[in-house]
C-alpha cells in the first residue's frame, strides 16, 4: 500500500476513536446531570483529565497530518 493510503486509514481510525471518546464524555456528562452526583469533585477531576488526554490526542493528530502534508509530493 502507498504511504498516503496508510496515513489516510490511520487518520480515519484515530478520528473514529476520538469521536467515540467525545460521545462517551457527552454521555457521562448527561448521566451526571441526571443523577445529580454529590461527588462533583471526582467527576470534575476525571473529566478534566479526559479532556486533557483528548486535547493531547488532537494535537498529535494535527502534527501527524502536518508531517503527512509535508512528505507528500505535489
C-alpha atoms as a PDB file:
ATOM      1  CA  UNK A   1       0.000   0.000   0.000  1.00  0.00           C
ATOM      2  CA  UNK A   2       1.035   3.533  -0.591  1.00  0.00           C
ATOM      3  CA  UNK A   3       2.066   5.698   2.321  1.00  0.00           C
ATOM      4  CA  UNK A   4      -0.796   8.070   1.574  1.00  0.00           C
ATOM      5  CA  UNK A   5      -3.333   5.260   1.843  1.00  0.00           C
ATOM      6  CA  UNK A   6      -1.877   4.047   5.135  1.00  0.00           C
ATOM      7  CA  UNK A   7      -1.865   7.558   6.561  1.00  0.00           C
ATOM      8  CA  UNK A   8      -5.463   8.113   5.492  1.00  0.00           C
ATOM      9  CA  UNK A   9      -6.515   4.834   7.112  1.00  0.00           C
ATOM     10  CA  UNK A  10      -4.667   5.725  10.323  1.00  0.00           C
ATOM     11  CA  UNK A  11      -6.256   9.172  10.261  1.00  0.00           C
ATOM     12  CA  UNK A  12      -9.726   7.648   9.889  1.00  0.00           C
ATOM     13  CA  UNK A  13      -9.103   5.174  12.724  1.00  0.00           C
ATOM     14  CA  UNK A  14      -7.790   7.881  15.045  1.00  0.00           C
ATOM     15  CA  UNK A  15     -10.687  10.150  14.157  1.00  0.00           C
ATOM     16  CA  UNK A  16     -13.177   7.369  14.915  1.00  0.00           C
ATOM     17  CA  UNK A  17     -11.525   6.720  18.293  1.00  0.00           C
ATOM     18  CA  UNK A  18     -11.696  10.408  19.176  1.00  0.00           C
ATOM     19  CA  UNK A  19     -15.345  10.600  18.170  1.00  0.00           C
ATOM     20  CA  UNK A  20     -16.058   7.600  20.390  1.00  0.00           C
ATOM     21  CA  UNK A  21     -14.277   9.319  23.279  1.00  0.00           C
ATOM     22  CA  UNK A  22     -16.251  12.506  22.739  1.00  0.00           C
ATOM     23  CA  UNK A  23     -19.518  10.586  22.658  1.00  0.00           C
ATOM     24  CA  UNK A  24     -18.607   8.767  25.869  1.00  0.00           C
ATOM     25  CA  UNK A  25     -17.747  12.062  27.577  1.00  0.00           C
ATOM     26  CA  UNK A  26     -21.041  13.602  26.486  1.00  0.00           C
ATOM     27  CA  UNK A  27     -22.943  10.595  27.820  1.00  0.00           C
ATOM     28  CA  UNK A  28     -21.056  10.776  31.096  1.00  0.00           C
ATOM     29  CA  UNK A  29     -21.937  14.460  31.485  1.00  0.00           C
ATOM     30  CA  UNK A  30     -25.591  13.714  30.782  1.00  0.00           C
ATOM     31  CA  UNK A  31     -25.587  10.867  33.308  1.00  0.00           C
ATOM     32  CA  UNK A  32     -24.084  13.070  35.995  1.00  0.00           C
ATOM     33  CA  UNK A  33     -26.582  15.834  35.317  1.00  0.00           C
ATOM     34  CA  UNK A  34     -29.479  13.407  35.615  1.00  0.00           C
ATOM     35  CA  UNK A  35     -28.235  11.751  38.774  1.00  0.00           C
ATOM     36  CA  UNK A  36     -27.073  14.991  40.449  1.00  0.00           C
ATOM     37  CA  UNK A  37     -23.997  13.277  41.843  1.00  0.00           C
ATOM     38  CA  UNK A  38     -22.693  14.511  45.182  1.00  0.00           C
ATOM     39  CA  UNK A  39     -19.128  13.637  44.224  1.00  0.00           C
ATOM     40  CA  UNK A  40     -18.769  16.524  41.787  1.00  0.00           C
ATOM     41  CA  UNK A  41     -15.086  16.937  42.575  1.00  0.00           C
ATOM     42  CA  UNK A  42     -14.254  13.376  41.471  1.00  0.00           C
ATOM     43  CA  UNK A  43     -16.216  13.792  38.275  1.00  0.00           C
ATOM     44  CA  UNK A  44     -14.643  17.169  37.588  1.00  0.00           C
ATOM     45  CA  UNK A  45     -11.104  15.832  38.027  1.00  0.00           C
ATOM     46  CA  UNK A  46     -11.752  12.818  35.802  1.00  0.00           C
ATOM     47  CA  UNK A  47     -13.498  14.943  33.187  1.00  0.00           C
ATOM     48  CA  UNK A  48     -10.612  17.417  33.044  1.00  0.00           C
ATOM     49  CA  UNK A  49      -8.168  14.548  32.777  1.00  0.00           C
ATOM     50  CA  UNK A  50     -10.160  13.089  29.889  1.00  0.00           C
ATOM     51  CA  UNK A  51     -10.311  16.469  28.174  1.00  0.00           C
ATOM     52  CA  UNK A  52      -6.555  16.921  28.586  1.00  0.00           C
ATOM     53  CA  UNK A  53      -5.989  13.498  27.057  1.00  0.00           C
ATOM     54  CA  UNK A  54      -8.352  14.331  24.196  1.00  0.00           C
ATOM     55  CA  UNK A  55      -6.585  17.637  23.599  1.00  0.00           C
ATOM     56  CA  UNK A  56      -3.213  15.872  23.515  1.00  0.00           C
ATOM     57  CA  UNK A  57      -4.529  13.326  21.006  1.00  0.00           C
ATOM     58  CA  UNK A  58      -5.888  16.068  18.766  1.00  0.00           C
ATOM     59  CA  UNK A  59      -2.562  17.898  18.837  1.00  0.00           C
ATOM     60  CA  UNK A  60      -0.753  14.680  17.922  1.00  0.00           C
ATOM     61  CA  UNK A  61      -3.160  14.079  15.039  1.00  0.00           C
ATOM     62  CA  UNK A  62      -2.701  17.617  13.766  1.00  0.00           C
ATOM     63  CA  UNK A  63       1.076  17.237  13.962  1.00  0.00           C
ATOM     64  CA  UNK A  64       0.931  13.920  12.107  1.00  0.00           C
ATOM     65  CA  UNK A  65      -1.303  15.486   9.466  1.00  0.00           C
ATOM     66  CA  UNK A  66       1.134  18.373   9.081  1.00  0.00           C
ATOM     67  CA  UNK A  67       4.027  15.958   8.615  1.00  0.00           C
ATOM     68  CA  UNK A  68       1.976  13.947   6.145  1.00  0.00           C
ATOM     69  CA  UNK A  69       1.286  17.054   4.043  1.00  0.00           C
ATOM     70  CA  UNK A  70       4.987  17.952   4.024  1.00  0.00           C
ATOM     71  CA  UNK A  71       6.057  14.474   2.924  1.00  0.00           C
ATOM     72  CA  UNK A  72       3.589  14.117   0.069  1.00  0.00           C
ATOM     73  CA  UNK A  73       4.927  15.092  -3.339  1.00  0.00           C
ATOM     74  CA  UNK A  74       2.906  17.713  -5.144  1.00  0.00           C
END
